[in-house]
Amino acid sequence: MKFKKIIIFVTIFLSLLGIGSMLSNIQSREADQLLEAYGLSNNTRYIEVKNNQTISSFLTYLQKNYAKYKIQLHFKSKIDPKQTLIWANHNVITLPTESGRYFTADDFQGRVSFAVLSLNAKVQTLATQGNEYVVLDNSYYSVIGTLKHYHQMKQNGYYLSTGPKQPTGKAKLTNYIIIIDSSSKMINKLASRYKVKIKTPVFVKNHQIHKFSIIREISLVIVFTIIAMSCSTLLALFDWSVVKNTALTGQLLHNWLFNRGVRTILLESALVLGAYLFLSWHAFISKPQQMILLLLLSWFLIIAAYSYTILQHLRKEKKHA
């Protein structure tokens, strides 16, 4: 009996991992579109400006003429494909970091440029006095974060903040592909101003084609939940069979079932917590609150299945008494 219970608890734990993994797949599929463009949404388009204007003057023009729009720009270097300059007039979409943090709106306002590295960034760095710096052309950029390792992301890139007052703003537009995340109206105006053609990134096209492709994951979440609930029901049946082989009746019977039920609930709660910790470490979770809510819902359904089975048998026992 103990061995069978261990198998059941292991099955519940694996089912919880399956539930969390499916949500992780959904989030990573959604995030896959974002991460391929380094944190951009489906409104993203890109242009190539053949103009010797500096990034600094370009950003100053945007701030003066398009202040009412939410804009996020990524300047993808043509000279060094691993380098991306990032600017926004609002908080950017946060990417998950292994350490430190990703860029915030404040990082684009000052005179200092900051760096965020992929886990295996191919760029010269210098560590001194507990701080890490990216070294480029005799300039030093403080590293504020390192991105987590996910297969959706390129692992050799590095990202620098830019702004009208920052040293990275001195670069020429002609050396970069400008990736824009903003409203269609703003992007069209900007393209018209610079007389360039708007192009749609591949990740946006793919997302439009596969936007209904999460049905499989949702179906598997339901299947794993049913498996976990069935296992919890089996645990209740095992407990009932044990108590029926004893001479317990009345209040003693209720006390035994209550104590066994509390123990089972605590064990299943520990399995849910363990599943969340395991998934937090090994799976992609862009929205932890969704994972927490899904696992809590699974926990509630598992406990409900156990409690319902015990209560049903108690009612039947009472009727036959």
Foldseek 3Di string as FASTA:
>chain_A
DVVVLVVLLVLLLVLLLLLLQLVLVVVVLLCLLQQVVPQFHLQKWWWAFPDQDFLLVVQVVCCVPVVVWWKKKWWQFPVDNQEIEIATCAATRWAAFPDFGDDGNVQAPDAAKAKEAAPAADFDWDDDPNWIWTADPNDTHTYRTYGDDDPSHDRHHMYMYYYNNYPNRRHGSNRTMMMMHIHPVVVVVVCVVSVIDIGRDPSSVVCVVCVPVSPVSVVSSVVSLVSLLVSLLVVLVVQVVVLVPDPDDDPRSVVSSVVVLVVVLVSSVVSLVVSLVVCVVPGRDSDSVVSVVSSVVSSVSNSVSNVVNNVVVVVVVVVVD
